[in-house]
């Protein structure tokens, strides 16, 4: 199109040059005409000549500008491609870090459940060992034909007590393992299913028990036992874990114990409201607007990755289909309010 315009321009100038030549010839033919007429035609001819020169100059300027614009467009395209490639790499790196953060929290879950399972398994093992010793003692008395009614009654009492303790602690360990398996599956598969809110919260908080006990924190949960939802329990479990770990890492100074609480209720519109509170240090006003930004943390190098609340925000606005708000006063704790539908919206 530029070449066509350029050729058309020069064709126009050829016509104008011919017109100018005709005007100059007309001036030569006006020797016998009055001087005013000759001067007027000469002036017009000269003005027309200057106009042609100026138009040619403007065409040259326009050509240079078009060439510069083409180079700028080419450079802009190259820079845009580089920026898009860099953005793609950044998104890939961020997604990798987010997945690493999720796996790290799952690792904490494994450690917590292992710690909790250790107690009932240890008790069951001790009881089994005690029962084995009592059985061996009774067997020796029987072999020596020296067993009495009192010996047999003591053995029955011991066997009854230890069997009861073994069964109770094995059931406790089995429940912990079952809870861990369900939470782990929910976390890794992002499967949608119908689930009980209270059970999901309890299963999630079991893994955090050792960390809370170590710091001396107290955790209170108030959730209707019959409340159920149809959605993504893995996302909710991840959100709760990050809330608690955010409080543990950022909310309290070392050696300071606090109270954390989770309160859940259901509105008449079918919306579940989960309120998480701590009574820790709170969030400074200048940080409130940035707490959901990726990689923002006030504890860089001291246990903070800057991804915990960013993951929370994405899970709430994504799979859970809800909203999240935060209220905090410096020195008086922090409250996160999560509102999401009991019946998750269909995706895809």
C-alpha atoms as a PDB file:
ATOM      1  CA  UNK A   1       0.000   0.000   0.000  1.00  0.00           C
ATOM      2  CA  UNK A   2       2.895   2.391   0.809  1.00  0.00           C
ATOM      3  CA  UNK A   3       4.532   1.686  -2.582  1.00  0.00           C
ATOM      4  CA  UNK A   4       1.243   2.265  -4.378  1.00  0.00           C
ATOM      5  CA  UNK A   5       0.783   5.581  -2.568  1.00  0.00           C
ATOM      6  CA  UNK A   6       4.347   6.611  -3.404  1.00  0.00           C
ATOM      7  CA  UNK A   7       3.919   5.812  -7.127  1.00  0.00           C
ATOM      8  CA  UNK A   8       0.580   7.621  -7.168  1.00  0.00           C
ATOM      9  CA  UNK A   9       2.290  10.651  -5.601  1.00  0.00           C
ATOM     10  CA  UNK A  10       5.000  10.813  -8.249  1.00  0.00           C
ATOM     11  CA  UNK A  11       2.424  10.381 -11.040  1.00  0.00           C
ATOM     12  CA  UNK A  12       0.581  13.363  -9.559  1.00  0.00           C
ATOM     13  CA  UNK A  13       3.798  15.375  -9.559  1.00  0.00           C
ATOM     14  CA  UNK A  14       4.412  14.470 -13.229  1.00  0.00           C
ATOM     15  CA  UNK A  15       1.028  15.948 -14.090  1.00  0.00           C
ATOM     16  CA  UNK A  16       1.819  19.033 -12.040  1.00  0.00           C
ATOM     17  CA  UNK A  17       5.208  19.401 -13.720  1.00  0.00           C
ATOM     18  CA  UNK A  18       3.463  19.314 -17.083  1.00  0.00           C
ATOM     19  CA  UNK A  19       1.004  21.946 -15.868  1.00  0.00           C
ATOM     20  CA  UNK A  20       3.923  24.039 -14.624  1.00  0.00           C
ATOM     21  CA  UNK A  21       5.692  23.746 -17.990  1.00  0.00           C
ATOM     22  CA  UNK A  22       2.473  24.857 -19.678  1.00  0.00           C
ATOM     23  CA  UNK A  23       2.227  27.855 -17.348  1.00  0.00           C
ATOM     24  CA  UNK A  24       5.822  28.845 -18.091  1.00  0.00           C
ATOM     25  CA  UNK A  25       5.143  28.554 -21.819  1.00  0.00           C
ATOM     26  CA  UNK A  26       2.064  30.735 -21.322  1.00  0.00           C
ATOM     27  CA  UNK A  27       4.237  33.359 -19.627  1.00  0.00           C
ATOM     28  CA  UNK A  28       6.572  33.324 -22.647  1.00  0.00           C
ATOM     29  CA  UNK A  29       3.596  33.856 -24.927  1.00  0.00           C
ATOM     30  CA  UNK A  30       2.483  36.933 -22.992  1.00  0.00           C
ATOM     31  CA  UNK A  31       5.234  39.231 -24.270  1.00  0.00           C
ATOM     32  CA  UNK A  32       2.675  41.529 -25.870  1.00  0.00           C
ATOM     33  CA  UNK A  33       0.324  41.418 -22.880  1.00  0.00           C
ATOM     34  CA  UNK A  34       0.187  44.206 -20.279  1.00  0.00           C
ATOM     35  CA  UNK A  35       2.918  44.082 -17.660  1.00  0.00           C
ATOM     36  CA  UNK A  36       0.409  43.525 -14.835  1.00  0.00           C
ATOM     37  CA  UNK A  37      -0.927  40.382 -16.549  1.00  0.00           C
ATOM     38  CA  UNK A  38       2.573  39.026 -17.180  1.00  0.00           C
ATOM     39  CA  UNK A  39       3.636  39.703 -13.580  1.00  0.00           C
ATOM     40  CA  UNK A  40       0.455  38.137 -12.201  1.00  0.00           C
ATOM     41  CA  UNK A  41       0.854  34.964 -14.250  1.00  0.00           C
ATOM     42  CA  UNK A  42       4.555  34.815 -13.361  1.00  0.00           C
ATOM     43  CA  UNK A  43       3.742  35.184  -9.667  1.00  0.00           C
ATOM     44  CA  UNK A  44       1.158  32.422  -9.831  1.00  0.00           C
ATOM     45  CA  UNK A  45       3.584  30.202 -11.750  1.00  0.00           C
ATOM     46  CA  UNK A  46       6.313  30.788  -9.171  1.00  0.00           C
ATOM     47  CA  UNK A  47       3.910  30.056  -6.313  1.00  0.00           C
ATOM     48  CA  UNK A  48       2.834  26.849  -8.059  1.00  0.00           C
ATOM     49  CA  UNK A  49       6.503  25.858  -8.483  1.00  0.00           C
ATOM     50  CA  UNK A  50       7.173  26.418  -4.744  1.00  0.00           C
ATOM     51  CA  UNK A  51       4.052  24.393  -3.908  1.00  0.00           C
ATOM     52  CA  UNK A  52       5.339  21.459  -5.961  1.00  0.00           C
ATOM     53  CA  UNK A  53       8.739  21.621  -4.215  1.00  0.00           C
ATOM     54  CA  UNK A  54       7.067  21.718  -0.802  1.00  0.00           C
ATOM     55  CA  UNK A  55       4.838  18.760  -1.665  1.00  0.00           C
ATOM     56  CA  UNK A  56       7.882  16.771  -2.783  1.00  0.00           C
ATOM     57  CA  UNK A  57       9.621  17.631   0.486  1.00  0.00           C
ATOM     58  CA  UNK A  58       6.575  16.551   2.498  1.00  0.00           C
ATOM     59  CA  UNK A  59       6.458  13.265   0.585  1.00  0.00           C
ATOM     60  CA  UNK A  60      10.126  12.624   1.432  1.00  0.00           C
ATOM     61  CA  UNK A  61       9.469  13.468   5.090  1.00  0.00           C
ATOM     62  CA  UNK A  62       6.437  11.178   5.078  1.00  0.00           C
ATOM     63  CA  UNK A  63       8.483   8.359   3.562  1.00  0.00           C
ATOM     64  CA  UNK A  64      11.142   8.737   6.252  1.00  0.00           C
ATOM     65  CA  UNK A  65       8.500   8.791   8.989  1.00  0.00           C
ATOM     66  CA  UNK A  66       6.799   5.709   7.573  1.00  0.00           C
ATOM     67  CA  UNK A  67      10.138   3.912   7.481  1.00  0.00           C
ATOM     68  CA  UNK A  68      10.819   4.937  11.084  1.00  0.00           C
ATOM     69  CA  UNK A  69       7.315   3.856  12.102  1.00  0.00           C
ATOM     70  CA  UNK A  70       7.845   0.483  10.438  1.00  0.00           C
ATOM     71  CA  UNK A  71      11.111   0.021  12.352  1.00  0.00           C
ATOM     72  CA  UNK A  72       9.429   1.077  15.594  1.00  0.00           C
ATOM     73  CA  UNK A  73       6.552  -1.367  14.982  1.00  0.00           C
ATOM     74  CA  UNK A  74       9.057  -4.129  14.320  1.00  0.00           C
ATOM     75  CA  UNK A  75      10.961  -3.302  17.527  1.00  0.00           C
ATOM     76  CA  UNK A  76       7.705  -3.076  19.473  1.00  0.00           C
ATOM     77  CA  UNK A  77       6.674  -6.505  18.188  1.00  0.00           C
ATOM     78  CA  UNK A  78      10.024  -7.954  19.253  1.00  0.00           C
ATOM     79  CA  UNK A  79       9.834  -6.358  22.699  1.00  0.00           C
ATOM     80  CA  UNK A  80       6.218  -7.507  23.104  1.00  0.00           C
ATOM     81  CA  UNK A  81       7.193 -11.094  22.237  1.00  0.00           C
ATOM     82  CA  UNK A  82      10.059 -10.937  24.764  1.00  0.00           C
ATOM     83  CA  UNK A  83       7.721  -9.539  27.445  1.00  0.00           C
ATOM     84  CA  UNK A  84       5.119 -12.237  26.784  1.00  0.00           C
ATOM     85  CA  UNK A  85       7.795 -14.934  26.986  1.00  0.00           C
ATOM     86  CA  UNK A  86       9.132 -13.472  30.245  1.00  0.00           C
ATOM     87  CA  UNK A  87       5.585 -13.298  31.663  1.00  0.00           C
ATOM     88  CA  UNK A  88       5.001 -16.930  30.697  1.00  0.00           C
ATOM     89  CA  UNK A  89       8.209 -17.968  32.459  1.00  0.00           C
ATOM     90  CA  UNK A  90       7.239 -15.924  35.502  1.00  0.00           C
ATOM     91  CA  UNK A  91       3.802 -17.572  35.653  1.00  0.00           C
ATOM     92  CA  UNK A  92       5.392 -21.014  35.352  1.00  0.00           C
ATOM     93  CA  UNK A  93       7.849 -20.195  38.139  1.00  0.00           C
ATOM     94  CA  UNK A  94       5.068 -18.834  40.349  1.00  0.00           C
ATOM     95  CA  UNK A  95       2.929 -21.925  39.753  1.00  0.00           C
ATOM     96  CA  UNK A  96       5.913 -24.111  40.668  1.00  0.00           C
ATOM     97  CA  UNK A  97       6.439 -22.186  43.897  1.00  0.00           C
ATOM     98  CA  UNK A  98       2.733 -22.354  44.746  1.00  0.00           C
ATOM     99  CA  UNK A  99       2.734 -26.124  44.229  1.00  0.00           C
ATOM    100  CA  UNK A 100       5.867 -26.398  46.371  1.00  0.00           C
ATOM    101  CA  UNK A 101       4.135 -24.420  49.115  1.00  0.00           C
ATOM    102  CA  UNK A 102       1.116 -26.739  48.943  1.00  0.00           C
ATOM    103  CA  UNK A 103       3.358 -29.802  49.151  1.00  0.00           C
ATOM    104  CA  UNK A 104       5.176 -28.242  52.102  1.00  0.00           C
ATOM    105  CA  UNK A 105       1.891 -27.880  53.970  1.00  0.00           C
ATOM    106  CA  UNK A 106       1.056 -31.478  53.074  1.00  0.00           C
ATOM    107  CA  UNK A 107       4.440 -32.436  54.521  1.00  0.00           C
ATOM    108  CA  UNK A 108       3.496 -30.665  57.741  1.00  0.00           C
ATOM    109  CA  UNK A 109       0.264 -32.673  57.715  1.00  0.00           C
ATOM    110  CA  UNK A 110       2.244 -35.920  57.403  1.00  0.00           C
ATOM    111  CA  UNK A 111       4.514 -34.942  60.275  1.00  0.00           C
ATOM    112  CA  UNK A 112       1.603 -33.922  62.452  1.00  0.00           C
ATOM    113  CA  UNK A 113      -0.359 -37.103  61.846  1.00  0.00           C
ATOM    114  CA  UNK A 114       2.753 -39.224  62.433  1.00  0.00           C
ATOM    115  CA  UNK A 115       3.229 -37.462  65.765  1.00  0.00           C
ATOM    116  CA  UNK A 116      -0.407 -38.010  66.735  1.00  0.00           C
ATOM    117  CA  UNK A 117      -0.367 -41.683  65.682  1.00  0.00           C
ATOM    118  CA  UNK A 118       2.795 -42.323  67.696  1.00  0.00           C
ATOM    119  CA  UNK A 119       0.924 -41.976  71.015  1.00  0.00           C
ATOM    120  CA  UNK A 120      -1.881 -44.560  70.542  1.00  0.00           C
ATOM    121  CA  UNK A 121       0.465 -46.981  68.789  1.00  0.00           C
ATOM    122  CA  UNK A 122       2.962 -46.670  71.658  1.00  0.00           C
ATOM    123  CA  UNK A 123       0.251 -47.303  74.235  1.00  0.00           C
ATOM    124  CA  UNK A 124      -1.079 -50.305  72.296  1.00  0.00           C
ATOM    125  CA  UNK A 125       2.446 -51.719  72.032  1.00  0.00           C
ATOM    126  CA  UNK A 126       3.065 -51.300  75.764  1.00  0.00           C
ATOM    127  CA  UNK A 127      -0.250 -52.967  76.580  1.00  0.00           C
ATOM    128  CA  UNK A 128       0.478 -55.860  74.213  1.00  0.00           C
ATOM    129  CA  UNK A 129       3.909 -56.324  75.835  1.00  0.00           C
ATOM    130  CA  UNK A 130       2.355 -56.272  79.326  1.00  0.00           C
ATOM    131  CA  UNK A 131      -0.283 -58.806  78.240  1.00  0.00           C
ATOM    132  CA  UNK A 132       2.439 -61.034  76.774  1.00  0.00           C
ATOM    133  CA  UNK A 133       4.362 -60.944  80.079  1.00  0.00           C
ATOM    134  CA  UNK A 134       1.194 -61.733  82.068  1.00  0.00           C
ATOM    135  CA  UNK A 135       0.386 -64.614  79.711  1.00  0.00           C
ATOM    136  CA  UNK A 136       3.909 -65.998  80.037  1.00  0.00           C
ATOM    137  CA  UNK A 137       3.625 -65.823  83.847  1.00  0.00           C
ATOM    138  CA  UNK A 138       0.278 -67.634  83.841  1.00  0.00           C
ATOM    139  CA  UNK A 139       1.665 -70.234  81.446  1.00  0.00           C
ATOM    140  CA  UNK A 140       4.619 -70.896  83.822  1.00  0.00           C
ATOM    141  CA  UNK A 141       2.267 -71.337  86.778  1.00  0.00           C
ATOM    142  CA  UNK A 142       0.131 -73.719  84.753  1.00  0.00           C
ATOM    143  CA  UNK A 143       3.159 -75.756  83.679  1.00  0.00           C
ATOM    144  CA  UNK A 144       4.287 -76.054  87.296  1.00  0.00           C
ATOM    145  CA  UNK A 145       0.754 -77.067  88.324  1.00  0.00           C
ATOM    146  CA  UNK A 146       0.891 -74.147  90.769  1.00  0.00           C
ATOM    147  CA  UNK A 147      -1.937 -72.006  89.428  1.00  0.00           C
ATOM    148  CA  UNK A 148      -4.618 -70.758  91.783  1.00  0.00           C
ATOM    149  CA  UNK A 149      -7.955 -69.053  91.431  1.00  0.00           C
ATOM    150  CA  UNK A 150      -6.460 -65.710  92.480  1.00  0.00           C
ATOM    151  CA  UNK A 151      -3.743 -66.021  89.838  1.00  0.00           C
ATOM    152  CA  UNK A 152      -6.310 -66.749  87.140  1.00  0.00           C
ATOM    153  CA  UNK A 153      -8.570 -63.876  88.248  1.00  0.00           C
ATOM    154  CA  UNK A 154      -5.617 -61.437  88.233  1.00  0.00           C
ATOM    155  CA  UNK A 155      -4.720 -62.583  84.743  1.00  0.00           C
ATOM    156  CA  UNK A 156      -8.300 -62.134  83.497  1.00  0.00           C
ATOM    157  CA  UNK A 157      -8.405 -58.608  84.938  1.00  0.00           C
ATOM    158  CA  UNK A 158      -5.068 -57.773  83.317  1.00  0.00           C
ATOM    159  CA  UNK A 159      -6.123 -59.288  79.988  1.00  0.00           C
ATOM    160  CA  UNK A 160      -9.438 -57.438  80.058  1.00  0.00           C
ATOM    161  CA  UNK A 161      -7.864 -54.046  80.830  1.00  0.00           C
ATOM    162  CA  UNK A 162      -5.004 -54.369  78.349  1.00  0.00           C
ATOM    163  CA  UNK A 163      -7.286 -55.692  75.586  1.00  0.00           C
ATOM    164  CA  UNK A 164      -9.602 -52.729  76.124  1.00  0.00           C
ATOM    165  CA  UNK A 165      -6.677 -50.284  75.941  1.00  0.00           C
ATOM    166  CA  UNK A 166      -5.228 -52.015  72.869  1.00  0.00           C
ATOM    167  CA  UNK A 167      -8.562 -51.894  71.020  1.00  0.00           C
ATOM    168  CA  UNK A 168      -9.242 -48.263  71.988  1.00  0.00           C
ATOM    169  CA  UNK A 169      -5.799 -47.033  70.932  1.00  0.00           C
ATOM    170  CA  UNK A 170      -5.799 -49.073  67.717  1.00  0.00           C
ATOM    171  CA  UNK A 171      -9.175 -47.562  66.841  1.00  0.00           C
ATOM    172  CA  UNK A 172      -7.792 -44.097  67.579  1.00  0.00           C
ATOM    173  CA  UNK A 173      -4.786 -44.748  65.339  1.00  0.00           C
ATOM    174  CA  UNK A 174      -7.059 -46.124  62.613  1.00  0.00           C
ATOM    175  CA  UNK A 175      -9.253 -43.000  62.778  1.00  0.00           C
ATOM    176  CA  UNK A 176      -6.203 -40.760  62.509  1.00  0.00           C
ATOM    177  CA  UNK A 177      -4.929 -42.701  59.519  1.00  0.00           C
ATOM    178  CA  UNK A 178      -8.355 -42.595  57.902  1.00  0.00           C
ATOM    179  CA  UNK A 179      -8.550 -38.828  58.461  1.00  0.00           C
ATOM    180  CA  UNK A 180      -5.066 -38.344  57.082  1.00  0.00           C
ATOM    181  CA  UNK A 181      -5.848 -40.398  53.980  1.00  0.00           C
ATOM    182  CA  UNK A 182      -8.984 -38.383  53.294  1.00  0.00           C
ATOM    183  CA  UNK A 183      -7.256 -35.026  53.789  1.00  0.00           C
ATOM    184  CA  UNK A 184      -4.282 -36.117  51.659  1.00  0.00           C
ATOM    185  CA  UNK A 185      -6.568 -37.280  48.843  1.00  0.00           C
ATOM    186  CA  UNK A 186      -8.567 -34.044  49.013  1.00  0.00           C
ATOM    187  CA  UNK A 187      -5.405 -31.950  48.922  1.00  0.00           C
ATOM    188  CA  UNK A 188      -3.819 -33.717  45.966  1.00  0.00           C
ATOM    189  CA  UNK A 189      -6.807 -34.566  43.776  1.00  0.00           C
ATOM    190  CA  UNK A 190      -8.969 -31.424  44.124  1.00  0.00           C
ATOM    191  CA  UNK A 191     -11.945 -33.803  43.929  1.00  0.00           C
ATOM    192  CA  UNK A 192     -15.441 -32.453  44.368  1.00  0.00           C
ATOM    193  CA  UNK A 193     -17.604 -34.366  46.813  1.00  0.00           C
ATOM    194  CA  UNK A 194     -20.172 -33.948  49.541  1.00  0.00           C
ATOM    195  CA  UNK A 195     -18.534 -33.550  52.953  1.00  0.00           C
ATOM    196  CA  UNK A 196     -19.269 -32.728  56.561  1.00  0.00           C
ATOM    197  CA  UNK A 197     -17.814 -29.368  57.598  1.00  0.00           C
ATOM    198  CA  UNK A 198     -17.090 -30.274  61.216  1.00  0.00           C
ATOM    199  CA  UNK A 199     -15.349 -33.529  60.259  1.00  0.00           C
ATOM    200  CA  UNK A 200     -13.236 -31.819  57.596  1.00  0.00           C
ATOM    201  CA  UNK A 201     -12.183 -29.086  60.016  1.00  0.00           C
ATOM    202  CA  UNK A 202     -11.299 -31.616  62.727  1.00  0.00           C
ATOM    203  CA  UNK A 203      -9.357 -33.799  60.278  1.00  0.00           C
ATOM    204  CA  UNK A 204      -7.387 -30.780  59.101  1.00  0.00           C
ATOM    205  CA  UNK A 205      -6.613 -29.401  62.536  1.00  0.00           C
ATOM    206  CA  UNK A 206      -5.346 -32.778  63.785  1.00  0.00           C
ATOM    207  CA  UNK A 207      -2.234 -32.283  61.662  1.00  0.00           C
ATOM    208  CA  UNK A 208      -1.609 -28.877  63.216  1.00  0.00           C
ATOM    209  CA  UNK A 209      -2.004 -30.070  66.819  1.00  0.00           C
ATOM    210  CA  UNK A 210       1.713 -30.680  67.530  1.00  0.00           C
ATOM    211  CA  UNK A 211       2.716 -27.237  66.194  1.00  0.00           C
ATOM    212  CA  UNK A 212       0.033 -25.514  68.253  1.00  0.00           C
ATOM    213  CA  UNK A 213       0.885 -27.504  71.392  1.00  0.00           C
ATOM    214  CA  UNK A 214       4.563 -26.709  70.976  1.00  0.00           C
ATOM    215  CA  UNK A 215       3.799 -22.979  70.898  1.00  0.00           C
ATOM    216  CA  UNK A 216       1.192 -23.262  73.647  1.00  0.00           C
ATOM    217  CA  UNK A 217      -1.654 -21.963  71.501  1.00  0.00           C
ATOM    218  CA  UNK A 218      -5.256 -22.909  72.216  1.00  0.00           C
ATOM    219  CA  UNK A 219      -7.644 -23.686  69.354  1.00  0.00           C
ATOM    220  CA  UNK A 220     -11.437 -23.512  69.642  1.00  0.00           C
ATOM    221  CA  UNK A 221     -13.888 -24.732  66.978  1.00  0.00           C
ATOM    222  CA  UNK A 222     -17.613 -24.036  66.795  1.00  0.00           C
ATOM    223  CA  UNK A 223     -19.323 -25.718  63.848  1.00  0.00           C
ATOM    224  CA  UNK A 224     -22.788 -27.299  63.609  1.00  0.00           C
ATOM    225  CA  UNK A 225     -22.156 -31.066  63.531  1.00  0.00           C
ATOM    226  CA  UNK A 226     -24.812 -31.654  60.860  1.00  0.00           C
ATOM    227  CA  UNK A 227     -23.621 -28.933  58.469  1.00  0.00           C
ATOM    228  CA  UNK A 228     -22.658 -30.371  55.066  1.00  0.00           C
ATOM    229  CA  UNK A 229     -21.423 -28.903  51.798  1.00  0.00           C
ATOM    230  CA  UNK A 230     -21.037 -30.077  48.227  1.00  0.00           C
ATOM    231  CA  UNK A 231     -17.739 -28.766  46.937  1.00  0.00           C
ATOM    232  CA  UNK A 232     -14.003 -29.042  47.398  1.00  0.00           C
ATOM    233  CA  UNK A 233     -12.912 -30.080  50.906  1.00  0.00           C
ATOM    234  CA  UNK A 234      -9.255 -30.082  49.827  1.00  0.00           C
ATOM    235  CA  UNK A 235      -9.398 -26.369  49.079  1.00  0.00           C
ATOM    236  CA  UNK A 236     -11.082 -25.664  52.422  1.00  0.00           C
ATOM    237  CA  UNK A 237      -8.481 -27.785  54.241  1.00  0.00           C
ATOM    238  CA  UNK A 238      -5.664 -25.851  52.561  1.00  0.00           C
ATOM    239  CA  UNK A 239      -7.276 -22.530  53.497  1.00  0.00           C
ATOM    240  CA  UNK A 240      -7.607 -23.533  57.165  1.00  0.00           C
ATOM    241  CA  UNK A 241      -4.042 -24.811  57.284  1.00  0.00           C
ATOM    242  CA  UNK A 242      -2.698 -21.558  55.869  1.00  0.00           C
ATOM    243  CA  UNK A 243      -4.806 -19.473  58.251  1.00  0.00           C
ATOM    244  CA  UNK A 244      -3.406 -21.325  61.262  1.00  0.00           C
ATOM    245  CA  UNK A 245       0.182 -21.355  60.007  1.00  0.00           C
ATOM    246  CA  UNK A 246      -0.050 -17.649  59.197  1.00  0.00           C
ATOM    247  CA  UNK A 247      -1.023 -17.005  62.819  1.00  0.00           C
ATOM    248  CA  UNK A 248       1.742 -19.255  64.166  1.00  0.00           C
ATOM    249  CA  UNK A 249       4.445 -17.672  61.990  1.00  0.00           C
ATOM    250  CA  UNK A 250       3.348 -14.032  61.948  1.00  0.00           C
ATOM    251  CA  UNK A 251       0.815 -13.536  64.727  1.00  0.00           C
ATOM    252  CA  UNK A 252       2.843 -14.088  67.894  1.00  0.00           C
ATOM    253  CA  UNK A 253       6.314 -13.444  69.201  1.00  0.00           C
ATOM    254  CA  UNK A 254       8.363 -16.410  70.369  1.00  0.00           C
ATOM    255  CA  UNK A 255       7.187 -17.685  73.733  1.00  0.00           C
ATOM    256  CA  UNK A 256       3.802 -15.935  73.514  1.00  0.00           C
ATOM    257  CA  UNK A 257       0.753 -18.220  73.512  1.00  0.00           C
ATOM    258  CA  UNK A 258      -2.597 -17.203  72.120  1.00  0.00           C
ATOM    259  CA  UNK A 259      -6.100 -18.354  71.299  1.00  0.00           C
ATOM    260  CA  UNK A 260      -7.209 -19.244  67.796  1.00  0.00           C
ATOM    261  CA  UNK A 261     -10.836 -19.873  66.878  1.00  0.00           C
ATOM    262  CA  UNK A 262     -12.872 -21.188  63.948  1.00  0.00           C
ATOM    263  CA  UNK A 263     -16.589 -20.405  63.858  1.00  0.00           C
ATOM    264  CA  UNK A 264     -18.898 -21.708  61.119  1.00  0.00           C
ATOM    265  CA  UNK A 265     -22.570 -21.069  60.389  1.00  0.00           C
ATOM    266  CA  UNK A 266     -25.022 -21.340  57.480  1.00  0.00           C
ATOM    267  CA  UNK A 267     -27.154 -18.445  56.233  1.00  0.00           C
ATOM    268  CA  UNK A 268     -30.708 -18.748  54.952  1.00  0.00           C
ATOM    269  CA  UNK A 269     -29.384 -18.073  51.426  1.00  0.00           C
ATOM    270  CA  UNK A 270     -27.319 -21.261  51.467  1.00  0.00           C
ATOM    271  CA  UNK A 271     -24.023 -19.488  52.103  1.00  0.00           C
ATOM    272  CA  UNK A 272     -21.504 -20.854  54.601  1.00  0.00           C
ATOM    273  CA  UNK A 273     -19.649 -18.284  56.689  1.00  0.00           C
ATOM    274  CA  UNK A 274     -16.363 -19.370  58.256  1.00  0.00           C
ATOM    275  CA  UNK A 275     -14.720 -16.872  60.609  1.00  0.00           C
ATOM    276  CA  UNK A 276     -11.137 -17.472  61.682  1.00  0.00           C
ATOM    277  CA  UNK A 277      -9.697 -15.317  64.476  1.00  0.00           C
ATOM    278  CA  UNK A 278      -6.478 -14.990  66.413  1.00  0.00           C
ATOM    279  CA  UNK A 279      -5.606 -12.606  69.240  1.00  0.00           C
ATOM    280  CA  UNK A 280      -2.061 -11.992  68.048  1.00  0.00           C
ATOM    281  CA  UNK A 281      -0.091  -8.949  66.957  1.00  0.00           C
ATOM    282  CA  UNK A 282      -2.417  -7.970  64.130  1.00  0.00           C
ATOM    283  CA  UNK A 283      -1.516  -6.496  60.741  1.00  0.00           C
ATOM    284  CA  UNK A 284      -0.085  -3.026  60.216  1.00  0.00           C
ATOM    285  CA  UNK A 285      -2.295  -0.692  58.177  1.00  0.00           C
ATOM    286  CA  UNK A 286       0.344  -0.268  55.469  1.00  0.00           C
ATOM    287  CA  UNK A 287       0.437  -4.052  54.941  1.00  0.00           C
ATOM    288  CA  UNK A 288      -3.292  -4.825  54.776  1.00  0.00           C
ATOM    289  CA  UNK A 289      -3.646  -4.008  51.087  1.00  0.00           C
ATOM    290  CA  UNK A 290      -0.761  -6.338  50.180  1.00  0.00           C
ATOM    291  CA  UNK A 291      -1.267  -9.439  52.314  1.00  0.00           C
ATOM    292  CA  UNK A 292      -2.811 -11.417  49.410  1.00  0.00           C
ATOM    293  CA  UNK A 293      -0.090 -10.400  46.948  1.00  0.00           C
ATOM    294  CA  UNK A 294       2.277 -13.194  45.872  1.00  0.00           C
ATOM    295  CA  UNK A 295       5.661 -13.215  47.636  1.00  0.00           C
ATOM    296  CA  UNK A 296       4.724 -10.443  50.083  1.00  0.00           C
ATOM    297  CA  UNK A 297       5.892 -11.322  53.584  1.00  0.00           C
ATOM    298  CA  UNK A 298       7.166  -9.494  56.649  1.00  0.00           C
ATOM    299  CA  UNK A 299       9.145 -12.600  57.686  1.00  0.00           C
ATOM    300  CA  UNK A 300      11.471 -13.070  54.722  1.00  0.00           C
ATOM    301  CA  UNK A 301      14.142 -15.570  55.760  1.00  0.00           C
ATOM    302  CA  UNK A 302      12.355 -16.374  59.009  1.00  0.00           C
ATOM    303  CA  UNK A 303       9.717 -18.885  57.937  1.00  0.00           C
ATOM    304  CA  UNK A 304       7.618 -16.734  55.611  1.00  0.00           C
ATOM    305  CA  UNK A 305       7.376 -17.547  51.898  1.00  0.00           C
ATOM    306  CA  UNK A 306       4.860 -14.862  50.961  1.00  0.00           C
ATOM    307  CA  UNK A 307       2.640 -17.434  49.237  1.00  0.00           C
ATOM    308  CA  UNK A 308       0.365 -18.677  52.033  1.00  0.00           C
ATOM    309  CA  UNK A 309      -2.349 -16.027  51.861  1.00  0.00           C
ATOM    310  CA  UNK A 310      -1.931 -15.703  48.087  1.00  0.00           C
ATOM    311  CA  UNK A 311      -2.830 -19.403  47.833  1.00  0.00           C
ATOM    312  CA  UNK A 312      -5.763 -18.819  50.195  1.00  0.00           C
ATOM    313  CA  UNK A 313      -7.118 -15.994  48.037  1.00  0.00           C
ATOM    314  CA  UNK A 314      -6.862 -18.077  44.849  1.00  0.00           C
ATOM    315  CA  UNK A 315      -8.580 -21.066  46.473  1.00  0.00           C
ATOM    316  CA  UNK A 316     -11.402 -18.933  47.865  1.00  0.00           C
ATOM    317  CA  UNK A 317     -12.050 -17.090  44.595  1.00  0.00           C
ATOM    318  CA  UNK A 318     -11.471 -20.261  42.528  1.00  0.00           C
ATOM    319  CA  UNK A 319     -12.680 -23.718  43.662  1.00  0.00           C
ATOM    320  CA  UNK A 320     -14.675 -22.480  46.655  1.00  0.00           C
ATOM    321  CA  UNK A 321     -16.337 -19.701  44.634  1.00  0.00           C
ATOM    322  CA  UNK A 322     -16.487 -17.400  47.643  1.00  0.00           C
ATOM    323  CA  UNK A 323     -15.253 -14.116  49.029  1.00  0.00           C
ATOM    324  CA  UNK A 324     -12.616 -13.339  51.633  1.00  0.00           C
ATOM    325  CA  UNK A 325     -12.227 -10.286  53.840  1.00  0.00           C
ATOM    326  CA  UNK A 326      -9.819  -9.382  56.616  1.00  0.00           C
ATOM    327  CA  UNK A 327     -10.106  -7.152  59.650  1.00  0.00           C
ATOM    328  CA  UNK A 328      -7.154  -6.415  61.874  1.00  0.00           C
ATOM    329  CA  UNK A 329      -6.053  -3.940  64.491  1.00  0.00           C
ATOM    330  CA  UNK A 330      -2.414  -3.712  65.420  1.00  0.00           C
ATOM    331  CA  UNK A 331      -1.932  -5.406  68.782  1.00  0.00           C
ATOM    332  CA  UNK A 332      -5.469  -6.833  68.877  1.00  0.00           C
ATOM    333  CA  UNK A 333      -5.423  -9.768  66.475  1.00  0.00           C
ATOM    334  CA  UNK A 334      -6.720 -10.584  63.029  1.00  0.00           C
ATOM    335  CA  UNK A 335     -10.034 -11.912  61.678  1.00  0.00           C
ATOM    336  CA  UNK A 336     -10.515 -13.577  58.307  1.00  0.00           C
ATOM    337  CA  UNK A 337     -14.108 -14.020  57.112  1.00  0.00           C
ATOM    338  CA  UNK A 338     -14.680 -16.562  54.377  1.00  0.00           C
ATOM    339  CA  UNK A 339     -18.114 -16.789  52.728  1.00  0.00           C
ATOM    340  CA  UNK A 340     -18.760 -19.508  50.135  1.00  0.00           C
ATOM    341  CA  UNK A 341     -21.809 -21.412  48.784  1.00  0.00           C
ATOM    342  CA  UNK A 342     -22.752 -24.723  50.410  1.00  0.00           C
ATOM    343  CA  UNK A 343     -23.406 -25.972  46.869  1.00  0.00           C
ATOM    344  CA  UNK A 344     -20.369 -25.170  44.739  1.00  0.00           C
ATOM    345  CA  UNK A 345     -21.002 -23.862  41.253  1.00  0.00           C
ATOM    346  CA  UNK A 346     -20.372 -26.222  38.342  1.00  0.00           C
ATOM    347  CA  UNK A 347     -17.004 -25.642  36.683  1.00  0.00           C
ATOM    348  CA  UNK A 348     -16.577 -25.933  32.922  1.00  0.00           C
END
